[in-house]
Amino acid sequence: MSAAGRTSAGWWLLILPALLLVLVFYIAPILQVLAISVSEPEPGFANYERLWTSEGVQRVILTTLRICTITTALALLLGYAIAYAITLASPRARGWWMLAVLVPLWISVLVRAFAWVTLLRRQGLVNNMLMQWGLISEPLALVWNEFGILVGMVHYMVPFAVLPMLSTMREIDPRLLAAARGLGASRGQVFRSIFLPLSTPGVIAAGVLVFIFSLGFYITPAILGGGKTLMAAEWISLQILDLIRWGLGTMLATVLVLAILVTLIVFSRVVDLRRMFGTGG
């Protein structure tokens, strides 16, 4: 065997354990889910026909897509403003900004969900303050509905939107902005003509990340939705654990996996996702 062949074989031996782990703990379960979706309660594609014939399944899918789309849009707006402020801040202020962004990631999603319940419930802090200020005469329904889900999901997703956009913004050469200002461009013109176009790949990467994470949300919608607004993950849990409809549950789980893969494939044509997420050269 030549030296090149021995080197190639050595690399394959090094990555073989990782490949086996991926095969056993990721690929095999997905294939099992796919098999169950076309074999329970009887072999065939009857479960997938529910995508076109069942109003309940369609309602869950539309609700999930609507909430994920709104969550992504709001997280991108808030995340862009925060990333922009961090980029322009002084080194010391930048450290405090980063701490404020990262601290929520260290807090359990369960703790954050119950915290929002405490704040948004009818006798919670938000309603009490609004009533004391005379802005409302009776408590608002801010939780156990779609609004509560959106608040909790946006709060969770903003840090994941900030980090990819901040990575892109920090690569923008400040001399370009200074040169534009020196040529007479206003701050608004510099932002619209230079900063925003150059930061667009980060916005796209953040949008992909947030949307994909949102599709599989379970704890936050389950707590803040109160069982009244079902998203896909909670519906899957209901079908499998409570109603023992393995075929229906695994069918929607398979659809979610395919939706994530399609999203990644489509957006990979627009932007180099490997580079944006820090895995490229």
C-alpha atoms as a PDB file:
ATOM      1  CA  MET A   1       0.000   0.000   0.000  1.00  0.00           C
ATOM      2  CA  SER A   2       1.311   3.455  -0.894  1.00  0.00           C
ATOM      3  CA  ALA A   3       1.934   6.176   1.689  1.00  0.00           C
ATOM      4  CA  ALA A   4      -1.125   8.127   0.472  1.00  0.00           C
ATOM      5  CA  GLY A   5      -3.290   5.027   0.823  1.00  0.00           C
ATOM      6  CA  ARG A   6      -2.052   4.382   4.371  1.00  0.00           C
ATOM      7  CA  THR A   7      -2.761   8.008   5.304  1.00  0.00           C
ATOM      8  CA  SER A   8      -6.287   7.797   3.881  1.00  0.00           C
ATOM      9  CA  ALA A   9      -6.949   4.540   5.738  1.00  0.00           C
ATOM     10  CA  GLY A  10      -5.638   6.122   8.938  1.00  0.00           C
ATOM     11  CA  TRP A  11      -8.056   9.030   8.646  1.00  0.00           C
ATOM     12  CA  TRP A  12     -10.966   6.651   8.094  1.00  0.00           C
ATOM     13  CA  LEU A  13      -9.991   4.690  11.186  1.00  0.00           C
ATOM     14  CA  LEU A  14      -9.915   7.895  13.211  1.00  0.00           C
ATOM     15  CA  ILE A  15     -13.412   8.979  12.201  1.00  0.00           C
ATOM     16  CA  LEU A  16     -14.907   5.456  12.247  1.00  0.00           C
ATOM     17  CA  PRO A  17     -16.019   5.648  15.931  1.00  0.00           C
ATOM     18  CA  ALA A  18     -17.814   8.947  15.268  1.00  0.00           C
ATOM     19  CA  LEU A  19     -19.491   7.493  12.191  1.00  0.00           C
ATOM     20  CA  LEU A  20     -20.656   4.471  14.179  1.00  0.00           C
ATOM     21  CA  LEU A  21     -22.077   6.716  16.904  1.00  0.00           C
ATOM     22  CA  VAL A  22     -23.981   8.779  14.341  1.00  0.00           C
ATOM     23  CA  LEU A  23     -25.275   5.614  12.686  1.00  0.00           C
ATOM     24  CA  VAL A  24     -26.427   3.987  15.936  1.00  0.00           C
ATOM     25  CA  PHE A  25     -27.804   6.987  17.811  1.00  0.00           C
ATOM     26  CA  TYR A  26     -29.075   9.186  14.955  1.00  0.00           C
ATOM     27  CA  ILE A  27     -29.558   7.461  11.602  1.00  0.00           C
ATOM     28  CA  ALA A  28     -30.970   4.208  13.002  1.00  0.00           C
ATOM     29  CA  PRO A  29     -33.650   5.894  15.187  1.00  0.00           C
ATOM     30  CA  ILE A  30     -34.737   8.085  12.268  1.00  0.00           C
ATOM     31  CA  LEU A  31     -35.069   5.028  10.042  1.00  0.00           C
ATOM     32  CA  GLN A  32     -37.061   3.292  12.770  1.00  0.00           C
ATOM     33  CA  VAL A  33     -39.396   6.294  13.040  1.00  0.00           C
ATOM     34  CA  LEU A  34     -39.850   6.222   9.263  1.00  0.00           C
ATOM     35  CA  ALA A  35     -40.596   2.485   9.360  1.00  0.00           C
ATOM     36  CA  ILE A  36     -43.217   2.886  12.097  1.00  0.00           C
ATOM     37  CA  SER A  37     -44.912   5.719  10.204  1.00  0.00           C
ATOM     38  CA  VAL A  38     -45.619   3.394   7.248  1.00  0.00           C
ATOM     39  CA  SER A  39     -46.382   0.223   9.231  1.00  0.00           C
ATOM     40  CA  GLU A  40     -48.672   1.290  12.103  1.00  0.00           C
ATOM     41  CA  PRO A  41     -51.517   0.544  12.503  1.00  0.00           C
ATOM     42  CA  GLU A  42     -51.228  -1.246   9.151  1.00  0.00           C
ATOM     43  CA  PRO A  43     -48.691  -1.177   6.297  1.00  0.00           C
ATOM     44  CA  GLY A  44     -49.131   1.616   3.772  1.00  0.00           C
ATOM     45  CA  PHE A  45     -49.193   5.402   3.491  1.00  0.00           C
ATOM     46  CA  ALA A  46     -52.535   5.966   5.203  1.00  0.00           C
ATOM     47  CA  ASN A  47     -50.876   8.065   7.905  1.00  0.00           C
ATOM     48  CA  TYR A  48     -49.366  10.400   5.327  1.00  0.00           C
ATOM     49  CA  GLU A  49     -52.743  10.763   3.621  1.00  0.00           C
ATOM     50  CA  ARG A  50     -53.855  12.571   6.795  1.00  0.00           C
ATOM     51  CA  LEU A  51     -51.702  15.493   5.668  1.00  0.00           C
ATOM     52  CA  TRP A  52     -54.347  16.215   3.000  1.00  0.00           C
ATOM     53  CA  THR A  53     -57.501  14.754   4.557  1.00  0.00           C
ATOM     54  CA  SER A  54     -57.331  15.554   8.294  1.00  0.00           C
ATOM     55  CA  GLU A  55     -58.242  19.087   9.377  1.00  0.00           C
ATOM     56  CA  GLY A  56     -56.646  18.433  12.758  1.00  0.00           C
ATOM     57  CA  VAL A  57     -53.260  17.565  11.275  1.00  0.00           C
ATOM     58  CA  GLN A  58     -53.414  20.501   8.877  1.00  0.00           C
ATOM     59  CA  ARG A  59     -54.324  22.870  11.701  1.00  0.00           C
ATOM     60  CA  VAL A  60     -51.335  21.711  13.763  1.00  0.00           C
ATOM     61  CA  ILE A  61     -48.967  22.143  10.810  1.00  0.00           C
ATOM     62  CA  LEU A  62     -50.298  25.618   9.954  1.00  0.00           C
ATOM     63  CA  THR A  63     -50.146  26.682  13.606  1.00  0.00           C
ATOM     64  CA  THR A  64     -46.565  25.464  13.865  1.00  0.00           C
ATOM     65  CA  LEU A  65     -45.492  27.227  10.669  1.00  0.00           C
ATOM     66  CA  ARG A  66     -47.244  30.459  11.681  1.00  0.00           C
ATOM     67  CA  ILE A  67     -45.698  30.556  15.150  1.00  0.00           C
ATOM     68  CA  CYS A  68     -42.248  29.600  13.849  1.00  0.00           C
ATOM     69  CA  THR A  69     -42.383  32.271  11.137  1.00  0.00           C
ATOM     70  CA  ILE A  70     -43.464  35.019  13.548  1.00  0.00           C
ATOM     71  CA  THR A  71     -40.892  33.887  16.109  1.00  0.00           C
ATOM     72  CA  THR A  72     -38.144  33.962  13.494  1.00  0.00           C
ATOM     73  CA  ALA A  73     -39.120  37.437  12.275  1.00  0.00           C
ATOM     74  CA  LEU A  74     -39.282  38.942  15.770  1.00  0.00           C
ATOM     75  CA  ALA A  75     -36.075  37.228  16.903  1.00  0.00           C
ATOM     76  CA  LEU A  76     -34.247  38.544  13.832  1.00  0.00           C
ATOM     77  CA  LEU A  77     -35.469  42.109  14.415  1.00  0.00           C
ATOM     78  CA  LEU A  78     -34.488  42.119  18.077  1.00  0.00           C
ATOM     79  CA  GLY A  79     -31.307  40.146  17.451  1.00  0.00           C
ATOM     80  CA  TYR A  80     -30.171  42.457  14.669  1.00  0.00           C
ATOM     81  CA  ALA A  81     -30.602  45.527  16.860  1.00  0.00           C
ATOM     82  CA  ILE A  82     -28.645  43.889  19.685  1.00  0.00           C
ATOM     83  CA  ALA A  83     -25.877  42.604  17.392  1.00  0.00           C
ATOM     84  CA  TYR A  84     -25.597  46.054  15.790  1.00  0.00           C
ATOM     85  CA  ALA A  85     -25.303  47.704  19.200  1.00  0.00           C
ATOM     86  CA  ILE A  86     -22.629  45.203  20.283  1.00  0.00           C
ATOM     87  CA  THR A  87     -20.654  45.777  17.083  1.00  0.00           C
ATOM     88  CA  LEU A  88     -20.533  49.538  17.610  1.00  0.00           C
ATOM     89  CA  ALA A  89     -19.984  49.404  21.380  1.00  0.00           C
ATOM     90  CA  SER A  90     -16.685  49.970  23.137  1.00  0.00           C
ATOM     91  CA  PRO A  91     -14.697  46.851  24.146  1.00  0.00           C
ATOM     92  CA  ARG A  92     -15.790  47.158  27.777  1.00  0.00           C
ATOM     93  CA  ALA A  93     -19.452  47.711  26.923  1.00  0.00           C
ATOM     94  CA  ARG A  94     -19.241  44.861  24.414  1.00  0.00           C
ATOM     95  CA  GLY A  95     -18.324  42.468  27.219  1.00  0.00           C
ATOM     96  CA  TRP A  96     -21.415  43.461  29.222  1.00  0.00           C
ATOM     97  CA  TRP A  97     -23.588  43.137  26.122  1.00  0.00           C
ATOM     98  CA  MET A  98     -22.268  39.635  25.464  1.00  0.00           C
ATOM     99  CA  LEU A  99     -22.886  38.669  29.084  1.00  0.00           C
ATOM    100  CA  ALA A 100     -26.491  39.849  28.795  1.00  0.00           C
ATOM    101  CA  VAL A 101     -26.923  37.782  25.626  1.00  0.00           C
ATOM    102  CA  LEU A 102     -25.331  34.611  26.979  1.00  0.00           C
ATOM    103  CA  VAL A 103     -26.805  34.542  30.506  1.00  0.00           C
ATOM    104  CA  PRO A 104     -30.292  33.435  29.301  1.00  0.00           C
ATOM    105  CA  LEU A 105     -28.656  30.450  27.584  1.00  0.00           C
ATOM    106  CA  TRP A 106     -27.411  29.246  30.959  1.00  0.00           C
ATOM    107  CA  ILE A 107     -30.894  29.235  32.499  1.00  0.00           C
ATOM    108  CA  SER A 108     -33.103  26.168  32.099  1.00  0.00           C
ATOM    109  CA  VAL A 109     -35.820  26.529  29.471  1.00  0.00           C
ATOM    110  CA  LEU A 110     -38.251  25.108  32.054  1.00  0.00           C
ATOM    111  CA  VAL A 111     -37.367  27.840  34.551  1.00  0.00           C
ATOM    112  CA  ARG A 112     -37.793  30.534  31.897  1.00  0.00           C
ATOM    113  CA  ALA A 113     -41.173  29.170  30.818  1.00  0.00           C
ATOM    114  CA  PHE A 114     -42.537  29.173  34.372  1.00  0.00           C
ATOM    115  CA  ALA A 115     -41.086  32.649  34.920  1.00  0.00           C
ATOM    116  CA  TRP A 116     -43.116  33.921  31.966  1.00  0.00           C
ATOM    117  CA  VAL A 117     -46.221  32.239  33.379  1.00  0.00           C
ATOM    118  CA  THR A 118     -45.663  34.141  36.625  1.00  0.00           C
ATOM    119  CA  LEU A 119     -45.221  37.428  34.769  1.00  0.00           C
ATOM    120  CA  LEU A 120     -48.060  37.073  32.237  1.00  0.00           C
ATOM    121  CA  ARG A 121     -50.838  35.291  34.127  1.00  0.00           C
ATOM    122  CA  ARG A 122     -54.030  37.178  34.972  1.00  0.00           C
ATOM    123  CA  GLN A 123     -52.758  38.032  38.465  1.00  0.00           C
ATOM    124  CA  GLY A 124     -49.178  38.415  37.268  1.00  0.00           C
ATOM    125  CA  LEU A 125     -46.829  41.364  37.385  1.00  0.00           C
ATOM    126  CA  VAL A 126     -47.620  42.647  33.883  1.00  0.00           C
ATOM    127  CA  ASN A 127     -51.395  42.707  34.324  1.00  0.00           C
ATOM    128  CA  ASN A 128     -51.122  44.201  37.821  1.00  0.00           C
ATOM    129  CA  MET A 129     -48.891  47.021  36.580  1.00  0.00           C
ATOM    130  CA  LEU A 130     -51.148  47.790  33.606  1.00  0.00           C
ATOM    131  CA  MET A 131     -54.196  47.923  35.884  1.00  0.00           C
ATOM    132  CA  GLN A 132     -52.421  50.127  38.434  1.00  0.00           C
ATOM    133  CA  TRP A 133     -51.459  52.555  35.674  1.00  0.00           C
ATOM    134  CA  GLY A 134     -55.070  52.652  34.494  1.00  0.00           C
ATOM    135  CA  LEU A 135     -54.254  51.309  31.027  1.00  0.00           C
ATOM    136  CA  ILE A 136     -56.665  48.372  31.336  1.00  0.00           C
ATOM    137  CA  SER A 137     -59.763  47.741  33.439  1.00  0.00           C
ATOM    138  CA  GLU A 138     -59.486  43.951  33.595  1.00  0.00           C
ATOM    139  CA  PRO A 139     -56.616  41.457  33.195  1.00  0.00           C
ATOM    140  CA  LEU A 140     -55.522  40.587  29.676  1.00  0.00           C
ATOM    141  CA  ALA A 141     -55.151  37.011  28.417  1.00  0.00           C
ATOM    142  CA  LEU A 142     -51.377  37.045  27.960  1.00  0.00           C
ATOM    143  CA  VAL A 143     -50.589  33.402  28.643  1.00  0.00           C
ATOM    144  CA  TRP A 144     -52.004  29.948  27.879  1.00  0.00           C
ATOM    145  CA  ASN A 145     -52.552  31.078  24.314  1.00  0.00           C
ATOM    146  CA  GLU A 146     -50.560  31.762  21.141  1.00  0.00           C
ATOM    147  CA  PHE A 147     -49.358  35.145  22.409  1.00  0.00           C
ATOM    148  CA  GLY A 148     -47.749  33.534  25.459  1.00  0.00           C
ATOM    149  CA  ILE A 149     -46.048  30.943  23.268  1.00  0.00           C
ATOM    150  CA  LEU A 150     -44.613  33.669  21.032  1.00  0.00           C
ATOM    151  CA  VAL A 151     -43.267  35.637  24.000  1.00  0.00           C
ATOM    152  CA  GLY A 152     -41.517  32.598  25.444  1.00  0.00           C
ATOM    153  CA  MET A 153     -40.124  31.396  22.127  1.00  0.00           C
ATOM    154  CA  VAL A 154     -38.822  34.805  21.052  1.00  0.00           C
ATOM    155  CA  HIS A 155     -37.152  35.236  24.440  1.00  0.00           C
ATOM    156  CA  TYR A 156     -35.456  31.867  24.054  1.00  0.00           C
ATOM    157  CA  MET A 157     -34.417  32.411  20.422  1.00  0.00           C
ATOM    158  CA  VAL A 158     -32.977  35.939  20.491  1.00  0.00           C
ATOM    159  CA  PRO A 159     -29.480  34.788  21.612  1.00  0.00           C
ATOM    160  CA  PHE A 160     -29.390  32.245  18.778  1.00  0.00           C
ATOM    161  CA  ALA A 161     -30.218  35.052  16.361  1.00  0.00           C
ATOM    162  CA  VAL A 162     -27.629  37.423  17.805  1.00  0.00           C
ATOM    163  CA  LEU A 163     -24.583  35.171  17.590  1.00  0.00           C
ATOM    164  CA  PRO A 164     -24.540  34.409  13.808  1.00  0.00           C
ATOM    165  CA  MET A 165     -25.348  38.030  12.953  1.00  0.00           C
ATOM    166  CA  LEU A 166     -22.700  39.335  15.326  1.00  0.00           C
ATOM    167  CA  SER A 167     -20.125  37.027  13.743  1.00  0.00           C
ATOM    168  CA  THR A 168     -20.872  38.524  10.323  1.00  0.00           C
ATOM    169  CA  MET A 169     -21.010  42.121  11.526  1.00  0.00           C
ATOM    170  CA  ARG A 170     -17.623  41.901  13.217  1.00  0.00           C
ATOM    171  CA  GLU A 171     -16.064  40.847   9.909  1.00  0.00           C
ATOM    172  CA  ILE A 172     -17.198  44.078   8.226  1.00  0.00           C
ATOM    173  CA  ASP A 173     -14.185  46.337   7.752  1.00  0.00           C
ATOM    174  CA  PRO A 174     -14.868  49.588   9.678  1.00  0.00           C
ATOM    175  CA  ARG A 175     -12.722  51.426   7.148  1.00  0.00           C
ATOM    176  CA  LEU A 176     -15.488  50.935   4.579  1.00  0.00           C
ATOM    177  CA  LEU A 177     -17.928  52.736   6.842  1.00  0.00           C
ATOM    178  CA  ALA A 178     -15.420  55.493   7.594  1.00  0.00           C
ATOM    179  CA  ALA A 179     -14.690  55.939   3.892  1.00  0.00           C
ATOM    180  CA  ALA A 180     -18.384  56.275   3.079  1.00  0.00           C
ATOM    181  CA  ARG A 181     -18.805  58.843   5.838  1.00  0.00           C
ATOM    182  CA  GLY A 182     -15.770  60.702   4.526  1.00  0.00           C
ATOM    183  CA  LEU A 183     -17.360  60.885   1.074  1.00  0.00           C
ATOM    184  CA  GLY A 184     -20.406  62.600   2.519  1.00  0.00           C
ATOM    185  CA  ALA A 185     -22.807  59.710   3.140  1.00  0.00           C
ATOM    186  CA  SER A 186     -25.136  60.051   6.114  1.00  0.00           C
ATOM    187  CA  ARG A 187     -25.314  57.411   8.841  1.00  0.00           C
ATOM    188  CA  GLY A 188     -28.550  56.113   7.357  1.00  0.00           C
ATOM    189  CA  GLN A 189     -27.040  55.847   3.887  1.00  0.00           C
ATOM    190  CA  VAL A 190     -23.979  54.043   5.232  1.00  0.00           C
ATOM    191  CA  PHE A 191     -26.220  51.573   7.035  1.00  0.00           C
ATOM    192  CA  ARG A 192     -28.551  50.936   4.079  1.00  0.00           C
ATOM    193  CA  SER A 193     -25.917  50.819   1.342  1.00  0.00           C
ATOM    194  CA  ILE A 194     -22.966  49.152   3.096  1.00  0.00           C
ATOM    195  CA  PHE A 195     -23.633  47.694   6.525  1.00  0.00           C
ATOM    196  CA  LEU A 196     -26.992  46.021   5.851  1.00  0.00           C
ATOM    197  CA  PRO A 197     -25.968  44.277   2.576  1.00  0.00           C
ATOM    198  CA  LEU A 198     -22.715  43.031   4.098  1.00  0.00           C
ATOM    199  CA  SER A 199     -24.519  41.683   7.167  1.00  0.00           C
ATOM    200  CA  THR A 200     -27.268  39.932   5.157  1.00  0.00           C
ATOM    201  CA  PRO A 201     -25.530  36.496   5.161  1.00  0.00           C
ATOM    202  CA  GLY A 202     -25.571  36.584   8.967  1.00  0.00           C
ATOM    203  CA  VAL A 203     -29.271  37.440   8.949  1.00  0.00           C
ATOM    204  CA  ILE A 204     -29.992  34.480   6.654  1.00  0.00           C
ATOM    205  CA  ALA A 205     -27.939  32.100   8.795  1.00  0.00           C
ATOM    206  CA  ALA A 206     -29.659  33.336  11.964  1.00  0.00           C
ATOM    207  CA  GLY A 207     -33.056  32.916  10.312  1.00  0.00           C
ATOM    208  CA  VAL A 208     -32.289  29.320   9.350  1.00  0.00           C
ATOM    209  CA  LEU A 209     -31.051  28.507  12.851  1.00  0.00           C
ATOM    210  CA  VAL A 210     -34.012  30.090  14.642  1.00  0.00           C
ATOM    211  CA  PHE A 211     -36.624  28.613  12.306  1.00  0.00           C
ATOM    212  CA  ILE A 212     -35.221  25.089  12.584  1.00  0.00           C
ATOM    213  CA  PHE A 213     -34.998  25.270  16.379  1.00  0.00           C
ATOM    214  CA  SER A 214     -38.535  26.646  16.548  1.00  0.00           C
ATOM    215  CA  LEU A 215     -39.988  23.741  14.571  1.00  0.00           C
ATOM    216  CA  GLY A 216     -39.104  21.289  17.329  1.00  0.00           C
ATOM    217  CA  PHE A 217     -40.090  23.384  20.354  1.00  0.00           C
ATOM    218  CA  TYR A 218     -41.929  21.381  23.013  1.00  0.00           C
ATOM    219  CA  ILE A 219     -41.546  22.606  26.610  1.00  0.00           C
ATOM    220  CA  THR A 220     -42.251  26.305  26.004  1.00  0.00           C
ATOM    221  CA  PRO A 221     -45.435  25.786  23.910  1.00  0.00           C
ATOM    222  CA  ALA A 222     -46.655  23.076  26.296  1.00  0.00           C
ATOM    223  CA  ILE A 223     -46.359  25.353  29.355  1.00  0.00           C
ATOM    224  CA  LEU A 224     -47.220  28.760  27.917  1.00  0.00           C
ATOM    225  CA  GLY A 225     -49.862  27.379  25.554  1.00  0.00           C
ATOM    226  CA  GLY A 226     -51.661  25.499  28.295  1.00  0.00           C
ATOM    227  CA  GLY A 227     -52.682  22.744  25.885  1.00  0.00           C
ATOM    228  CA  LYS A 228     -54.923  25.168  23.968  1.00  0.00           C
ATOM    229  CA  THR A 229     -52.488  25.889  21.132  1.00  0.00           C
ATOM    230  CA  LEU A 230     -50.837  22.723  19.871  1.00  0.00           C
ATOM    231  CA  MET A 231     -47.586  22.830  17.952  1.00  0.00           C
ATOM    232  CA  ALA A 232     -46.111  19.843  16.142  1.00  0.00           C
ATOM    233  CA  ALA A 233     -43.846  18.545  18.912  1.00  0.00           C
ATOM    234  CA  GLU A 234     -46.605  18.634  21.524  1.00  0.00           C
ATOM    235  CA  TRP A 235     -49.051  17.008  19.099  1.00  0.00           C
ATOM    236  CA  ILE A 236     -46.555  14.209  18.438  1.00  0.00           C
ATOM    237  CA  SER A 237     -46.149  13.645  22.180  1.00  0.00           C
ATOM    238  CA  LEU A 238     -49.932  13.558  22.592  1.00  0.00           C
ATOM    239  CA  GLN A 239     -50.352  10.975  19.832  1.00  0.00           C
ATOM    240  CA  ILE A 240     -47.588   8.667  21.075  1.00  0.00           C
ATOM    241  CA  LEU A 241     -47.808   8.914  24.854  1.00  0.00           C
ATOM    242  CA  ASP A 242     -51.518   9.570  25.482  1.00  0.00           C
ATOM    243  CA  LEU A 243     -53.460   8.271  22.488  1.00  0.00           C
ATOM    244  CA  ILE A 244     -50.995   5.479  21.580  1.00  0.00           C
ATOM    245  CA  ARG A 245     -51.176   6.358  17.883  1.00  0.00           C
ATOM    246  CA  TRP A 246     -47.584   5.599  16.985  1.00  0.00           C
ATOM    247  CA  GLY A 247     -48.206   5.760  13.267  1.00  0.00           C
ATOM    248  CA  LEU A 248     -49.634   9.284  13.314  1.00  0.00           C
ATOM    249  CA  GLY A 249     -47.028  10.580  15.740  1.00  0.00           C
ATOM    250  CA  THR A 250     -44.073   9.196  13.823  1.00  0.00           C
ATOM    251  CA  MET A 251     -45.597  10.423  10.544  1.00  0.00           C
ATOM    252  CA  LEU A 252     -45.480  14.046  11.681  1.00  0.00           C
ATOM    253  CA  ALA A 253     -42.053  13.502  13.237  1.00  0.00           C
ATOM    254  CA  THR A 254     -40.804  12.304   9.842  1.00  0.00           C
ATOM    255  CA  VAL A 255     -42.363  15.340   8.163  1.00  0.00           C
ATOM    256  CA  LEU A 256     -40.555  17.616  10.623  1.00  0.00           C
ATOM    257  CA  VAL A 257     -37.210  15.969   9.884  1.00  0.00           C
ATOM    258  CA  LEU A 258     -37.789  16.317   6.148  1.00  0.00           C
ATOM    259  CA  ALA A 259     -38.827  19.962   6.572  1.00  0.00           C
ATOM    260  CA  ILE A 260     -35.592  20.691   8.423  1.00  0.00           C
ATOM    261  CA  LEU A 261     -33.491  18.977   5.758  1.00  0.00           C
ATOM    262  CA  VAL A 262     -35.270  20.839   2.953  1.00  0.00           C
ATOM    263  CA  THR A 263     -34.794  24.147   4.775  1.00  0.00           C
ATOM    264  CA  LEU A 264     -31.070  23.523   5.128  1.00  0.00           C
ATOM    265  CA  ILE A 265     -30.711  22.482   1.484  1.00  0.00           C
ATOM    266  CA  VAL A 266     -32.580  25.538   0.192  1.00  0.00           C
ATOM    267  CA  PHE A 267     -30.690  28.051   2.296  1.00  0.00           C
ATOM    268  CA  SER A 268     -27.340  26.387   1.667  1.00  0.00           C
ATOM    269  CA  ARG A 269     -27.823  27.509  -1.928  1.00  0.00           C
ATOM    270  CA  VAL A 270     -28.070  31.110  -0.753  1.00  0.00           C
ATOM    271  CA  VAL A 271     -25.322  31.349   1.865  1.00  0.00           C
ATOM    272  CA  ASP A 272     -22.371  29.253   3.014  1.00  0.00           C
ATOM    273  CA  LEU A 273     -23.937  27.869   6.193  1.00  0.00           C
ATOM    274  CA  ARG A 274     -20.761  26.024   7.209  1.00  0.00           C
ATOM    275  CA  ARG A 275     -18.846  29.285   7.271  1.00  0.00           C
ATOM    276  CA  MET A 276     -21.638  31.139   9.063  1.00  0.00           C
ATOM    277  CA  PHE A 277     -21.899  28.528  11.807  1.00  0.00           C
ATOM    278  CA  GLY A 278     -18.149  28.358  12.300  1.00  0.00           C
ATOM    279  CA  THR A 279     -17.393  25.020  10.624  1.00  0.00           C
ATOM    280  CA  GLY A 280     -15.936  26.307   7.390  1.00  0.00           C
ATOM    281  CA  GLY A 281     -12.344  27.111   6.582  1.00  0.00           C
END
